[in-house]
Amino acid sequence: MEKKMLSKFVYWTFFLTITTATACGPKHETRKRKAPSTDAVADDSNHPDLPVTGTPLFAAADAHGSQNGKWQVRLEWKQGPTAKDDGESITYITFADATFFAPKTLSDFTIKPWMKIHGHGTGNLVPTISPVKDNPSKFLVSGIYFLMSGRWELQIHATVNGIPDYLEVNVEVDP
């Protein structure tokens, strides 16, 4: 009886080790790492409009609201989201206050890809956040490498108008 249980234990340990090792796609080392940049970039998005006083930055239909509802973001994918061929995903993120107007202040912005169902992120691959020229509420986020297809989330932390908050944006990554 003990011998049978031991062999099952060895089998399942081996199976889970192999499955875990191969489930998350190619190794991180094959992906390109970019040096972090604080240089402002030009806006070549589909919405290159600069904030105009008295007008909302985007519509509610395009928004993802923070947990406390004090600020919103709009994502606009420039490339991806994909896990294909070690591809890099790139997105523009525009921040707005609760009423969709440009925030007065924005700081402490971080973003982290996370695959909740598997309980992992992208290891030491940290996306690069670059401000967009002449638009203090918009950023180009490059260097997002999803390790596999499936349901991911982008965990966004920021302090908008002095209010720190958190947001999880669900992202379906194509194979």
Foldseek 3Di string as FASTA:
>chain_A
DVVVVVVVVVVVVVVVVVCVVPVLADDPVVADADDADQAAAADPFPQNDAADPPDASDDPVQWFAFPVLFKTKGKGWPAFPAQPPQDKTKIKIFMATSVRHHFPDKDPKAKWKADVVVGDTSPPQGWHWYHHPNHRRMIMTIRHHRRDFAKIWIWIWMQTNNRTTIGTHIDGYDD
